[in-house]
Amino acid sequence: MKRLGVYNNKGGVGKSTLTANLGAGLAVKFGYKILILDLDSQRDSSRFLGVLDAAKAINDVFEQEDARRKGRVVANEIKLKDCITYNVRTNLDLLTNRGLKDIESYIKDTRRFDLVFGKMLVDLEKMNYDCILIDCGPSQTSINDAILSYIDHVLVPIQTETASVEAIGNVYAYLNELDLPSAKIKFIVPNMFDSRLLDAKKNLERIHEYFKEDTNVVITEPIQRKVKITEAGSLGKSTFEYDSKAADQISKVTEIVAGYLKA
């Protein structure tokens, strides 16, 4: 099982849209068994898949563990598998959240965030997923510290505009602060690319220039800026269900990640 985080500490780069569509594509088109773990406080990847009010969320397990830590008796044990929304699409399950403030406090208090998070997620390791795809929030938090320690690799969406490209180094700096190897960064996805704009073309060149010495990193073809991609998410649909031309943009990235899962 692969554990892949979708992260960029700059917001507005299309991270959650990509997570939802990538998960749907890997599950429905390629037949991989995928779990999306939505750990962005805005819960956009959940919303983009049409899940607005899940019966249970990852918070239920954290609340239980917090009660145990404080010496309270837990009568009916809840496991992460009990909190999953199953079959949001064929082969695609979702584990969402109800806000991250309490989870953030819990992880901070326990200090060894890497061990705590890994121990809690071991329940998922037994469920035969091909990949856990984690939608991370766009900031440096204890939750993201834990996620980056837990995952195998990171997929970084980068909007092809100047501020986003100039912020690339921040992801490396964050990994360095956590004493994690830069080799965790596996995929770079140039996103919201407008081929009509000279600035976008120059920024795409800058992305390739930045990573030209890093043979570990795979830069995908850019995802074009398409209104239909945004429309699909607002309707709780994947791009594959909504518009075939827009889906072609996501398909190129999905094929590359499918190859990674197969390896």
Protein backbone atom coordinates (compact mmCIF):
# COMPACT_ATOMS: atom_id res chain seq x y z
CA MET A 1 0.00 0.00 0.00
CA LYS A 2 1.26 3.45 -0.94
CA ARG A 3 0.68 6.52 1.21
CA LEU A 4 0.64 9.68 -0.88
CA GLY A 5 0.10 13.17 0.50
CA VAL A 6 -1.11 16.07 -1.66
CA TYR A 7 0.51 19.15 -0.15
CA ASN A 8 1.57 22.70 -0.86
CA ASN A 9 1.89 25.31 1.86
CA LYS A 10 0.49 27.89 -0.53
CA GLY A 11 -3.29 27.87 -0.81
CA GLY A 12 -5.32 28.25 -3.98
CA VAL A 13 -3.27 25.87 -6.10
CA GLY A 14 -6.09 23.38 -6.75
CA LYS A 15 -4.92 20.83 -4.20
CA SER A 16 -8.31 19.51 -3.09
CA THR A 17 -9.72 19.49 -6.62
CA LEU A 18 -6.76 17.42 -7.73
CA THR A 19 -7.05 15.05 -4.75
CA ALA A 20 -10.73 14.31 -5.40
CA ASN A 21 -10.25 13.82 -9.13
CA LEU A 22 -7.07 11.81 -8.78
CA GLY A 23 -8.74 9.49 -6.28
CA ALA A 24 -11.77 9.05 -8.54
CA GLY A 25 -9.62 8.41 -11.60
CA LEU A 26 -7.38 5.86 -9.89
CA ALA A 27 -10.40 4.04 -8.46
CA VAL A 28 -12.88 4.10 -11.32
CA LYS A 29 -10.62 4.15 -14.39
CA PHE A 30 -7.77 1.98 -13.15
CA GLY A 31 -9.55 -0.19 -10.58
CA TYR A 32 -7.27 0.64 -7.66
CA LYS A 33 -8.79 0.50 -4.18
CA ILE A 34 -8.34 4.05 -2.89
CA LEU A 35 -9.02 5.80 0.41
CA ILE A 36 -9.04 9.59 0.43
CA LEU A 37 -8.22 10.96 3.87
CA ASP A 38 -9.45 14.55 3.98
CA LEU A 39 -7.33 16.45 6.50
CA ASP A 40 -7.89 19.94 5.16
CA SER A 41 -10.13 21.97 7.47
CA GLN A 42 -12.17 23.24 4.51
CA ARG A 43 -13.07 19.65 3.56
CA ASP A 44 -13.19 20.53 -0.11
CA SER A 45 -12.11 17.12 -1.37
CA SER A 46 -15.07 15.63 0.55
CA ARG A 47 -17.43 18.25 -0.86
CA PHE A 48 -16.13 17.75 -4.40
CA LEU A 49 -17.11 14.07 -4.08
CA GLY A 50 -20.58 14.98 -2.84
CA VAL A 51 -20.01 14.12 0.83
CA LEU A 52 -21.27 17.01 2.97
CA ASP A 53 -22.44 15.37 6.21
CA ALA A 54 -20.72 12.08 6.96
CA ALA A 55 -22.13 10.05 9.85
CA LYS A 56 -18.67 9.67 11.39
CA ALA A 57 -15.30 11.30 10.92
CA ILE A 58 -11.68 10.90 11.99
CA ASN A 59 -12.47 13.22 14.92
CA ASP A 60 -14.38 10.40 16.62
CA VAL A 61 -11.22 8.33 16.99
CA PHE A 62 -9.13 11.27 18.18
CA GLU A 63 -11.78 12.15 20.79
CA GLN A 64 -11.71 8.56 22.00
CA GLU A 65 -7.91 8.52 22.26
CA ASP A 66 -7.95 11.86 24.07
CA ALA A 67 -10.44 10.45 26.58
CA ARG A 68 -8.17 7.45 27.18
CA ARG A 69 -5.16 9.71 27.66
CA LYS A 70 -7.09 11.61 30.32
CA GLY A 71 -7.97 8.39 32.16
CA ARG A 72 -11.60 8.14 31.13
CA VAL A 73 -13.29 4.82 30.45
CA VAL A 74 -14.17 4.22 26.78
CA ALA A 75 -17.18 1.92 26.61
CA ASN A 76 -17.66 1.34 22.90
CA GLU A 77 -14.40 1.43 21.00
CA ILE A 78 -14.44 3.19 17.65
CA LYS A 79 -11.87 2.29 15.01
CA LEU A 80 -10.96 4.32 11.97
CA LYS A 81 -12.62 1.76 9.72
CA ASP A 82 -15.91 2.59 11.48
CA CYS A 83 -15.54 6.25 10.46
CA ILE A 84 -15.08 5.70 6.73
CA THR A 85 -17.75 6.63 4.20
CA TYR A 86 -17.62 3.63 1.90
CA ASN A 87 -18.14 3.52 -1.87
CA VAL A 88 -18.43 7.21 -2.61
CA ARG A 89 -17.44 5.92 -6.03
CA THR A 90 -16.56 2.42 -7.24
CA ASN A 91 -13.38 1.37 -5.36
CA LEU A 92 -13.21 4.78 -3.65
CA ASP A 93 -13.76 5.37 0.08
CA LEU A 94 -13.51 8.60 2.06
CA LEU A 95 -12.46 9.42 5.61
CA THR A 96 -13.40 13.02 6.31
CA ASN A 97 -13.13 15.40 9.28
CA ARG A 98 -15.40 17.70 11.29
CA GLY A 99 -12.82 20.43 11.84
CA LEU A 100 -9.20 20.09 12.89
CA LYS A 101 -8.80 22.28 15.98
CA ASP A 102 -9.20 19.47 18.53
CA ILE A 103 -7.07 17.07 16.48
CA GLU A 104 -4.35 19.69 16.25
CA SER A 105 -4.41 20.17 20.04
CA TYR A 106 -4.28 16.41 20.65
CA ILE A 107 -1.27 15.89 18.41
CA LYS A 108 0.55 18.85 19.98
CA ASP A 109 -0.07 17.54 23.49
CA THR A 110 1.17 14.03 22.71
CA ARG A 111 4.37 15.46 21.17
CA ARG A 112 5.46 12.29 19.32
CA PHE A 113 3.11 13.09 16.46
CA ASP A 114 4.72 10.61 14.09
CA LEU A 115 4.14 7.64 16.40
CA VAL A 116 0.65 8.74 17.45
CA PHE A 117 -0.56 9.21 13.90
CA GLY A 118 1.06 6.03 12.62
CA LYS A 119 -0.44 4.00 15.47
CA MET A 120 -3.92 5.31 14.79
CA LEU A 121 -3.73 4.71 11.06
CA VAL A 122 -2.42 1.14 11.41
CA ASP A 123 -6.10 0.14 11.39
CA LEU A 124 -6.21 1.22 7.75
CA GLU A 125 -3.13 -0.79 6.80
CA LYS A 126 -5.16 -3.99 7.15
CA MET A 127 -7.90 -2.93 4.73
CA ASN A 128 -6.14 -3.78 1.46
CA TYR A 129 -6.12 -0.29 0.01
CA ASP A 130 -3.72 0.20 -2.87
CA CYS A 131 -3.25 3.81 -1.81
CA ILE A 132 -4.22 6.19 0.97
CA LEU A 133 -4.41 9.61 -0.67
CA ILE A 134 -4.22 12.41 1.90
CA ASP A 135 -5.48 15.93 1.25
CA CYS A 136 -3.31 18.12 3.51
CA GLY A 137 -4.09 21.64 4.64
CA PRO A 138 -1.94 24.46 3.18
CA SER A 139 0.05 25.34 6.29
CA GLN A 140 2.67 24.12 8.74
CA THR A 141 0.74 22.46 11.55
CA SER A 142 1.20 19.55 13.92
CA ILE A 143 -1.26 17.61 11.76
CA ASN A 144 0.82 18.20 8.64
CA ASP A 145 3.97 17.37 10.61
CA ALA A 146 2.37 14.02 11.38
CA ILE A 147 1.15 13.42 7.84
CA LEU A 148 4.50 14.21 6.24
CA SER A 149 6.20 11.84 8.68
CA TYR A 150 3.68 9.08 7.95
CA ILE A 151 3.43 9.18 4.15
CA ASP A 152 5.76 7.60 1.61
CA HIS A 153 5.75 10.49 -0.85
CA VAL A 154 4.35 13.94 -1.57
CA LEU A 155 2.55 15.20 -4.65
CA VAL A 156 2.89 18.98 -4.96
CA PRO A 157 0.43 20.91 -7.16
CA ILE A 158 1.94 24.22 -8.31
CA GLN A 159 -0.11 26.92 -9.96
CA THR A 160 1.74 28.30 -12.98
CA GLU A 161 1.86 31.85 -11.67
CA THR A 162 4.84 33.68 -10.24
CA ALA A 163 4.04 33.67 -6.50
CA SER A 164 3.31 29.94 -6.52
CA VAL A 165 6.48 29.06 -8.42
CA GLU A 166 8.60 31.22 -6.12
CA ALA A 167 7.17 29.35 -3.11
CA ILE A 168 8.40 25.93 -4.28
CA GLY A 169 11.35 26.01 -1.91
CA ASN A 170 9.03 26.30 1.10
CA VAL A 171 8.02 22.65 0.81
CA TYR A 172 11.66 21.55 0.88
CA ALA A 173 12.32 23.86 3.83
CA TYR A 174 9.40 22.34 5.74
CA LEU A 175 10.65 18.81 5.18
CA ASN A 176 14.09 19.91 6.33
CA GLU A 177 12.64 21.37 9.55
CA LEU A 178 11.09 17.96 10.26
CA ASP A 179 14.37 16.15 9.46
CA LEU A 180 12.62 14.38 6.61
CA PRO A 181 14.35 13.61 3.30
CA SER A 182 13.67 15.83 0.30
CA ALA A 183 13.21 12.58 -1.66
CA LYS A 184 9.70 12.44 -0.18
CA ILE A 185 8.74 14.87 -2.95
CA LYS A 186 7.82 12.56 -5.81
CA PHE A 187 5.39 14.38 -8.11
CA ILE A 188 5.12 17.98 -9.23
CA VAL A 189 1.85 18.87 -10.96
CA PRO A 190 1.82 22.23 -12.79
CA ASN A 191 -1.77 23.32 -12.36
CA MET A 192 -4.21 25.93 -13.73
CA PHE A 193 -1.99 26.43 -16.76
CA ASP A 194 -3.19 28.93 -19.37
CA SER A 195 -1.21 28.38 -22.57
CA ARG A 196 -2.39 31.75 -23.90
CA LEU A 197 -0.39 33.62 -21.27
CA LEU A 198 3.33 34.26 -21.72
CA ASP A 199 3.76 34.47 -17.94
CA ALA A 200 2.29 30.98 -17.50
CA LYS A 201 4.65 29.57 -20.15
CA LYS A 202 7.65 31.18 -18.47
CA ASN A 203 6.62 29.85 -15.07
CA LEU A 204 6.23 26.35 -16.50
CA GLU A 205 9.80 26.63 -17.78
CA ARG A 206 10.92 27.79 -14.34
CA ILE A 207 9.34 24.72 -12.73
CA HIS A 208 11.25 22.42 -15.06
CA GLU A 209 14.45 24.38 -14.48
CA TYR A 210 14.04 24.16 -10.71
CA PHE A 211 13.82 20.37 -10.73
CA LYS A 212 16.14 19.54 -13.61
CA GLU A 213 18.84 18.12 -11.31
CA ASP A 214 16.43 16.09 -9.18
CA THR A 215 15.99 12.73 -10.89
CA ASN A 216 13.68 11.57 -8.10
CA VAL A 217 10.97 14.08 -9.05
CA VAL A 218 8.41 13.41 -11.78
CA ILE A 219 6.93 16.55 -13.35
CA THR A 220 3.61 15.78 -14.98
CA GLU A 221 2.14 17.51 -17.98
CA PRO A 222 0.41 20.72 -16.93
CA ILE A 223 -3.28 20.67 -16.14
CA GLN A 224 -4.94 23.38 -18.20
CA ARG A 225 -7.18 25.92 -16.51
CA LYS A 226 -10.69 24.66 -17.31
CA VAL A 227 -13.97 26.07 -15.99
CA LYS A 228 -15.52 22.60 -16.25
CA ILE A 229 -13.08 21.23 -13.66
CA THR A 230 -14.31 23.80 -11.14
CA GLU A 231 -17.95 23.31 -12.11
CA ALA A 232 -17.71 19.56 -11.56
CA GLY A 233 -16.49 19.98 -8.00
CA SER A 234 -19.18 22.51 -7.14
CA LEU A 235 -21.76 19.90 -8.17
CA GLY A 236 -20.16 17.14 -6.10
CA LYS A 237 -18.96 15.31 -9.21
CA SER A 238 -15.56 14.21 -10.41
CA THR A 239 -14.33 15.69 -13.66
CA PHE A 240 -14.56 12.21 -15.20
CA GLU A 241 -18.31 12.20 -14.54
CA TYR A 242 -18.89 15.72 -15.78
CA ASP A 243 -16.89 16.63 -18.87
CA SER A 244 -14.69 14.38 -21.01
CA LYS A 245 -12.45 17.15 -22.34
CA ALA A 246 -11.73 18.49 -18.88
CA ALA A 247 -11.19 14.92 -17.68
CA ASP A 248 -8.45 14.50 -20.28
CA GLN A 249 -6.39 17.01 -18.30
CA ILE A 250 -6.65 14.99 -15.09
CA SER A 251 -6.17 11.68 -16.92
CA LYS A 252 -2.55 12.45 -17.77
CA VAL A 253 -1.68 12.88 -14.10
CA THR A 254 -3.77 9.88 -13.09
CA GLU A 255 -1.91 7.61 -15.52
CA ILE A 256 1.44 8.61 -14.05
CA VAL A 257 0.32 8.00 -10.47
CA ALA A 258 -1.28 4.69 -11.52
CA GLY A 259 2.14 3.61 -12.77
CA TYR A 260 3.62 4.57 -9.40
CA LEU A 261 1.06 2.40 -7.60
CA LYS A 262 1.80 -0.52 -9.89
CA ALA A 263 5.55 -0.37 -9.29
